[in-house]
Amino acid sequence: MPPIFRLALMFRKIVALVAVLSTFALGGCVGGWSAQYRLNELAEWVGTQPALDSLSVSREKEMGLFGSTLSDTLQAQGALHVTSVVEFATALDQLNAKFDELPFREHRFLKVDVKADIQGTEFTWEGFRWEPGWRERLTELLDLFAAPEVRTVNVRHDDDVLWVTAERDFQVSDDDARAYRDRVFHYLDDTKATELIDLFGFPLLHPTEPDGGAASPSLRLSGFPQGYVATAAFVEKVDAAIPYAVRSVWSNEISYSWRFFTEDEYDEEVMKQLKELLSQPEAGSPIKVEIISSKRILGTVDMRPTPEKLPKHPGKWQEDMERVFFG
């Protein structure tokens, strides 16, 4: 190709690249201007609200074509000045309602990450969305957790589900913690709650232990067919029947997971007893069973039709557990 044609082709490519970059830059300027406008409007309003005036309103950072840039997503972070669950839910409702009133908000998000001390319990909220009716529902639901038995409550919206995680305050006795847990489970059954509720540290027979910064056992019983109260009674039965301590019980759409802790040596009779217990309808089906020690996973049995792939170096109980559960 003659040099003149090569130069012409190169010039056309440069012009096309400049046009593309200009489009990105123009779009970024327009989007950035509207996001900054929303930020200024929301921050100014937040500063006039007694319950919200300590919040920091900013734009999230994200990685773009040319490195780190400011996102169109706004974020509100900090502490709420509230003294009750009603005020907590109302403040969140007002904050999200104000964001909805702002112009240029189509396909834009407000990320809220706030906390509040309510009667000695720390409440936190994390989420990108807020739905009509949540103020009333959270007021009713979270009032359960503003209690001396609870140290922290985390509420978040994730995968179109409201998650509530409550961790026990260890200044209360085991008996008081159990009684509180039972009250919560009775309420959740009576109201047919659809939220995912996870209770940490509310004891069974075996003593609670810190696991990864959160106290066990972890009980998330929302998906079990027998309901909260009946499932909790069955979990206590299992915990009392074998020397392995129940560390977590939870379910999702495809299985029911049971995790146990022990420092004992392998015992065939105990494993057979565990299989018999977890074969009962209250355990759910199909099940996944994991047994751990303080140092490692001892073994895992996944009875789903498409089980997860085992780790490269399975635990020392793996073959024995498979023989008992699948034999």
Protein backbone atom coordinates (compact mmCIF):
# COMPACT_ATOMS: atom_id res chain seq x y z
CA MET A 1 0.00 0.00 0.00
CA PRO A 2 1.41 3.43 -0.95
CA PRO A 3 2.49 5.59 2.01
CA ILE A 4 -0.23 8.17 1.33
CA PHE A 5 -2.96 5.55 1.71
CA ARG A 6 -1.42 4.21 4.90
CA LEU A 7 -1.39 7.74 6.31
CA ALA A 8 -5.03 8.26 5.31
CA LEU A 9 -6.08 4.97 6.94
CA MET A 10 -4.20 5.84 10.13
CA PHE A 11 -5.85 9.28 10.17
CA ARG A 12 -9.32 7.72 9.86
CA LYS A 13 -8.59 5.39 12.80
CA ILE A 14 -7.39 8.31 14.92
CA VAL A 15 -10.53 10.31 14.11
CA ALA A 16 -12.75 7.33 14.99
CA LEU A 17 -10.92 6.82 18.30
CA VAL A 18 -11.23 10.50 19.19
CA ALA A 19 -14.95 10.36 18.42
CA VAL A 20 -15.44 7.36 20.69
CA LEU A 21 -13.44 8.92 23.52
CA SER A 22 -15.35 12.17 23.13
CA THR A 23 -18.64 10.30 23.44
CA PHE A 24 -17.44 8.63 26.63
CA ALA A 25 -16.19 11.92 28.00
CA LEU A 26 -19.41 13.76 27.17
CA GLY A 27 -21.53 11.00 28.67
CA GLY A 28 -19.33 10.99 31.74
CA CYS A 29 -19.61 14.76 32.10
CA VAL A 30 -23.41 14.70 31.84
CA GLY A 31 -23.70 11.73 34.19
CA GLY A 32 -21.19 13.23 36.57
CA TRP A 33 -22.98 16.58 36.62
CA SER A 34 -26.36 15.01 37.40
CA ALA A 35 -24.83 12.77 40.09
CA GLN A 36 -23.09 15.74 41.69
CA TYR A 37 -26.35 17.69 41.60
CA ARG A 38 -28.17 14.87 43.38
CA LEU A 39 -25.32 14.63 45.87
CA ASN A 40 -25.47 18.34 46.71
CA GLU A 41 -29.27 18.32 47.04
CA LEU A 42 -29.34 15.23 49.25
CA ALA A 43 -26.42 16.36 51.43
CA GLU A 44 -28.02 19.76 51.99
CA TRP A 45 -31.34 18.18 52.98
CA VAL A 46 -29.67 15.61 55.27
CA GLY A 47 -28.00 18.45 57.14
CA THR A 48 -31.42 19.84 58.09
CA GLN A 49 -32.76 16.58 59.56
CA PRO A 50 -32.00 15.98 63.26
CA ALA A 51 -32.00 12.19 62.89
CA LEU A 52 -29.76 12.24 59.81
CA ASP A 53 -27.46 15.25 60.14
CA SER A 54 -24.39 13.17 61.09
CA LEU A 55 -24.51 11.17 57.86
CA SER A 56 -21.85 11.58 55.22
CA VAL A 57 -23.24 11.69 51.67
CA SER A 58 -20.81 10.97 48.84
CA ARG A 59 -20.37 9.24 45.50
CA GLU A 60 -18.95 5.74 45.31
CA LYS A 61 -15.70 5.15 43.50
CA GLU A 62 -15.56 2.63 40.67
CA MET A 63 -13.02 1.48 38.13
CA GLY A 64 -13.56 2.99 34.70
CA LEU A 65 -11.85 2.94 31.33
CA PHE A 66 -9.18 5.35 32.55
CA GLY A 67 -8.84 4.18 36.15
CA SER A 68 -10.78 5.09 39.27
CA THR A 69 -13.75 7.38 38.76
CA LEU A 70 -16.69 8.63 40.80
CA SER A 71 -19.80 6.51 40.34
CA ASP A 72 -23.33 7.79 39.74
CA THR A 73 -24.34 5.81 42.85
CA LEU A 74 -24.71 7.93 45.98
CA GLN A 75 -23.89 6.54 49.40
CA ALA A 76 -25.03 7.68 52.84
CA GLN A 77 -22.97 6.48 55.79
CA GLY A 78 -22.80 7.19 59.50
CA ALA A 79 -24.86 7.17 62.68
CA LEU A 80 -28.54 7.95 63.07
CA HIS A 81 -29.73 10.00 66.05
CA VAL A 82 -32.67 7.83 67.08
CA THR A 83 -33.77 6.20 70.31
CA SER A 84 -36.34 3.65 69.11
CA VAL A 85 -36.99 1.16 66.33
CA VAL A 86 -39.85 3.36 65.10
CA GLU A 87 -37.49 6.32 64.68
CA PHE A 88 -34.84 4.08 63.06
CA ALA A 89 -37.23 2.78 60.39
CA THR A 90 -38.78 6.24 59.89
CA ALA A 91 -35.37 7.85 59.32
CA LEU A 92 -34.51 5.25 56.68
CA ASP A 93 -37.89 5.74 55.02
CA GLN A 94 -37.47 9.53 54.90
CA LEU A 95 -33.92 9.30 53.53
CA ASN A 96 -34.95 7.01 50.70
CA ALA A 97 -38.10 9.02 49.99
CA LYS A 98 -36.00 12.17 49.59
CA PHE A 99 -33.67 10.39 47.17
CA ASP A 100 -36.69 9.30 45.12
CA GLU A 101 -37.77 12.94 44.82
CA LEU A 102 -34.47 14.05 43.26
CA PRO A 103 -34.29 14.66 39.49
CA PHE A 104 -32.10 12.60 37.17
CA ARG A 105 -32.43 9.55 39.42
CA GLU A 106 -33.58 7.02 36.79
CA HIS A 107 -31.44 3.89 36.96
CA ARG A 108 -29.44 5.44 39.79
CA PHE A 109 -28.99 4.04 43.28
CA LEU A 110 -28.58 5.17 46.86
CA LYS A 111 -26.41 2.89 48.99
CA VAL A 112 -27.24 3.28 52.68
CA ASP A 113 -24.93 2.01 55.42
CA VAL A 114 -25.97 3.39 58.79
CA LYS A 115 -26.07 2.40 62.45
CA ALA A 116 -27.85 3.44 65.63
CA ASP A 117 -27.75 2.59 69.33
CA ILE A 118 -31.24 1.67 70.51
CA GLN A 119 -31.65 0.74 74.17
CA GLY A 120 -28.08 -0.60 74.28
CA THR A 121 -28.39 -2.68 71.10
CA GLU A 122 -26.47 -1.61 67.99
CA PHE A 123 -28.63 -1.68 64.86
CA THR A 124 -27.14 -1.42 61.37
CA TRP A 125 -28.81 -1.19 57.97
CA GLU A 126 -27.16 -1.95 54.61
CA GLY A 127 -28.94 -1.78 51.29
CA PHE A 128 -29.40 -0.25 47.84
CA ARG A 129 -33.18 -0.41 47.74
CA TRP A 130 -36.15 0.61 49.81
CA GLU A 131 -39.66 -0.67 49.16
CA PRO A 132 -43.08 0.73 50.11
CA GLY A 133 -44.24 -0.77 53.37
CA TRP A 134 -40.79 -1.50 54.75
CA ARG A 135 -41.06 1.20 57.41
CA GLU A 136 -44.09 -0.50 58.94
CA ARG A 137 -42.68 -4.00 58.55
CA LEU A 138 -39.27 -3.16 60.01
CA THR A 139 -40.88 -1.31 62.90
CA GLU A 140 -42.86 -4.43 63.79
CA LEU A 141 -40.07 -6.94 63.16
CA LEU A 142 -37.09 -5.12 64.67
CA ASP A 143 -38.91 -4.23 67.86
CA LEU A 144 -38.26 -7.86 68.85
CA PHE A 145 -34.53 -7.27 68.77
CA ALA A 146 -34.30 -4.09 70.83
CA ALA A 147 -33.79 -6.28 73.88
CA PRO A 148 -31.17 -6.79 76.62
CA GLU A 149 -30.44 -10.27 75.23
CA VAL A 150 -29.22 -8.85 71.90
CA ARG A 151 -25.88 -7.08 71.39
CA THR A 152 -26.00 -6.29 67.67
CA VAL A 153 -28.58 -6.44 64.89
CA ASN A 154 -27.62 -6.20 61.23
CA VAL A 155 -30.37 -5.69 58.66
CA ARG A 156 -29.56 -5.80 54.97
CA HIS A 157 -31.34 -6.11 51.66
CA ASP A 158 -29.63 -8.70 49.49
CA ASP A 159 -30.89 -10.81 46.57
CA ASP A 160 -34.40 -9.37 46.97
CA VAL A 161 -34.59 -10.64 50.54
CA LEU A 162 -34.42 -8.87 53.89
CA TRP A 163 -31.81 -10.47 56.14
CA VAL A 164 -31.76 -9.91 59.89
CA THR A 165 -28.74 -11.14 61.86
CA ALA A 166 -28.93 -10.85 65.64
CA GLU A 167 -26.00 -11.65 67.94
CA ARG A 168 -26.45 -12.43 71.60
CA ASP A 169 -25.25 -10.23 74.43
CA PHE A 170 -23.20 -12.51 76.67
CA GLN A 171 -23.92 -10.45 79.75
CA VAL A 172 -27.27 -12.24 79.96
CA SER A 173 -27.51 -15.82 81.25
CA ASP A 174 -27.92 -18.87 79.03
CA ASP A 175 -31.42 -19.41 80.44
CA ASP A 176 -32.48 -15.86 79.58
CA ALA A 177 -30.93 -16.18 76.11
CA ARG A 178 -32.83 -19.43 75.44
CA ALA A 179 -36.11 -17.93 76.64
CA TYR A 180 -35.59 -14.92 74.37
CA ARG A 181 -34.77 -17.15 71.39
CA ASP A 182 -37.97 -19.12 71.93
CA ARG A 183 -40.04 -15.92 72.06
CA VAL A 184 -38.57 -14.80 68.76
CA PHE A 185 -39.24 -18.16 67.10
CA HIS A 186 -42.85 -18.23 68.34
CA TYR A 187 -43.39 -14.75 66.90
CA LEU A 188 -41.85 -15.70 63.54
CA ASP A 189 -44.09 -18.76 63.31
CA ASP A 190 -47.21 -16.82 64.32
CA THR A 191 -46.62 -14.07 61.76
CA LYS A 192 -45.34 -16.39 59.00
CA ALA A 193 -42.32 -14.13 58.55
CA THR A 194 -40.68 -14.27 55.11
CA GLU A 195 -37.44 -12.55 56.13
CA LEU A 196 -34.24 -14.54 56.69
CA ILE A 197 -33.53 -14.43 60.42
CA ASP A 198 -30.14 -15.59 61.73
CA LEU A 199 -29.56 -15.85 65.48
CA PHE A 200 -25.95 -16.12 66.70
CA GLY A 201 -24.88 -17.35 70.12
CA PHE A 202 -28.23 -18.35 71.57
CA PRO A 203 -27.25 -21.61 73.25
CA LEU A 204 -28.26 -25.20 72.83
CA LEU A 205 -26.96 -27.89 75.23
CA HIS A 206 -23.32 -27.46 74.25
CA PRO A 207 -21.75 -24.12 75.25
CA THR A 208 -21.43 -21.35 72.71
CA GLU A 209 -18.04 -20.73 71.15
CA PRO A 210 -16.62 -17.89 69.07
CA ASP A 211 -16.36 -18.87 65.40
CA GLY A 212 -14.72 -16.34 63.12
CA GLY A 213 -15.73 -13.41 65.29
CA ALA A 214 -19.37 -14.47 65.68
CA ALA A 215 -20.70 -16.69 68.43
CA SER A 216 -22.07 -20.09 67.55
CA PRO A 217 -24.48 -21.71 67.21
CA SER A 218 -25.89 -19.94 64.18
CA LEU A 219 -29.56 -20.77 63.70
CA ARG A 220 -31.22 -19.73 60.43
CA LEU A 221 -34.35 -21.84 60.33
CA SER A 222 -36.55 -19.91 57.90
CA GLY A 223 -36.59 -22.57 55.19
CA PHE A 224 -37.30 -25.64 57.31
CA PRO A 225 -40.72 -27.20 56.64
CA GLN A 226 -41.66 -27.68 60.31
CA GLY A 227 -41.36 -23.99 61.18
CA TYR A 228 -39.11 -22.19 63.65
CA VAL A 229 -40.30 -23.61 66.99
CA ALA A 230 -40.46 -27.26 65.93
CA THR A 231 -37.13 -27.06 64.09
CA ALA A 232 -35.41 -25.42 67.07
CA ALA A 233 -36.70 -28.23 69.32
CA PHE A 234 -35.30 -30.79 66.87
CA VAL A 235 -31.93 -29.01 66.73
CA GLU A 236 -31.77 -29.13 70.52
CA LYS A 237 -32.60 -32.84 70.39
CA VAL A 238 -29.71 -33.48 67.98
CA ASP A 239 -27.31 -31.34 70.01
CA ALA A 240 -28.18 -33.25 73.19
CA ALA A 241 -28.07 -36.73 71.63
CA ILE A 242 -24.49 -36.77 70.34
CA PRO A 243 -21.13 -35.49 71.62
CA TYR A 244 -20.69 -33.25 68.57
CA ALA A 245 -21.82 -29.66 69.18
CA VAL A 246 -24.19 -28.10 66.66
CA ARG A 247 -22.43 -25.03 65.29
CA SER A 248 -24.80 -23.92 62.52
CA VAL A 249 -28.08 -24.95 60.95
CA TRP A 250 -29.43 -23.21 57.87
CA SER A 251 -31.20 -23.79 54.58
CA ASN A 252 -31.36 -22.42 51.08
CA GLU A 253 -33.40 -23.38 48.05
CA ILE A 254 -31.44 -26.56 47.36
CA SER A 255 -30.34 -28.10 50.67
CA TYR A 256 -30.37 -28.09 54.47
CA SER A 257 -26.95 -27.62 56.03
CA TRP A 258 -25.75 -28.88 59.40
CA ARG A 259 -22.32 -28.09 60.82
CA PHE A 260 -20.89 -29.76 63.93
CA PHE A 261 -17.79 -29.21 66.05
CA THR A 262 -15.75 -31.80 67.93
CA GLU A 263 -12.26 -32.50 69.20
CA ASP A 264 -13.05 -36.22 69.69
CA GLU A 265 -11.64 -39.12 67.74
CA TYR A 266 -13.80 -40.75 65.09
CA ASP A 267 -16.55 -42.97 66.51
CA GLU A 268 -18.52 -45.18 64.13
CA GLU A 269 -21.50 -45.56 66.46
CA VAL A 270 -21.82 -41.81 66.96
CA MET A 271 -21.71 -41.29 63.18
CA LYS A 272 -24.46 -43.88 62.66
CA GLN A 273 -26.54 -42.17 65.33
CA LEU A 274 -26.03 -38.83 63.60
CA LYS A 275 -27.14 -40.29 60.27
CA GLU A 276 -30.28 -41.71 61.90
CA LEU A 277 -31.13 -38.37 63.49
CA LEU A 278 -30.62 -36.41 60.29
CA SER A 279 -32.73 -38.89 58.33
CA GLN A 280 -35.83 -37.60 60.12
CA PRO A 281 -38.12 -35.16 58.26
CA GLU A 282 -37.38 -32.34 60.71
CA ALA A 283 -33.76 -32.25 59.48
CA GLY A 284 -34.82 -31.29 55.97
CA SER A 285 -33.90 -33.02 52.72
CA PRO A 286 -31.49 -33.18 51.00
CA ILE A 287 -28.90 -32.45 53.68
CA LYS A 288 -25.30 -31.37 53.75
CA VAL A 289 -23.30 -32.34 56.85
CA GLU A 290 -19.95 -30.85 57.80
CA ILE A 291 -17.92 -31.75 60.88
CA ILE A 292 -15.03 -29.54 61.94
CA SER A 293 -12.41 -29.34 64.66
CA SER A 294 -10.48 -26.32 65.87
CA LYS A 295 -7.85 -26.97 63.19
CA ARG A 296 -9.61 -28.24 60.08
CA ILE A 297 -12.65 -29.76 58.39
CA LEU A 298 -12.85 -33.42 59.39
CA GLY A 299 -15.34 -34.47 56.73
CA THR A 300 -18.26 -33.40 54.56
CA VAL A 301 -21.26 -35.30 53.23
CA ASP A 302 -23.38 -33.62 50.56
CA MET A 303 -26.51 -35.61 49.70
CA ARG A 304 -27.82 -33.25 47.03
CA PRO A 305 -28.30 -34.63 43.49
CA THR A 306 -25.43 -32.41 42.32
CA PRO A 307 -23.08 -32.17 45.31
CA GLU A 308 -20.32 -29.62 45.59
CA LYS A 309 -16.86 -30.72 44.58
CA LEU A 310 -14.87 -31.98 47.55
CA PRO A 311 -11.71 -30.09 48.56
CA LYS A 312 -8.43 -31.28 47.09
CA HIS A 313 -7.37 -32.62 50.48
CA PRO A 314 -10.50 -33.98 52.20
CA GLY A 315 -10.63 -34.39 55.96
CA LYS A 316 -9.47 -37.51 57.76
CA TRP A 317 -13.07 -38.57 58.44
CA GLN A 318 -14.18 -38.20 54.83
CA GLU A 319 -14.15 -41.86 53.78
CA ASP A 320 -15.77 -43.02 57.02
CA MET A 321 -18.54 -40.43 56.76
CA GLU A 322 -19.28 -41.35 53.15
CA ARG A 323 -19.42 -45.04 54.03
CA VAL A 324 -21.91 -44.42 56.85
CA PHE A 325 -24.16 -41.92 55.09
CA PHE A 326 -24.16 -43.50 51.64
CA GLY A 327 -23.81 -47.13 52.70
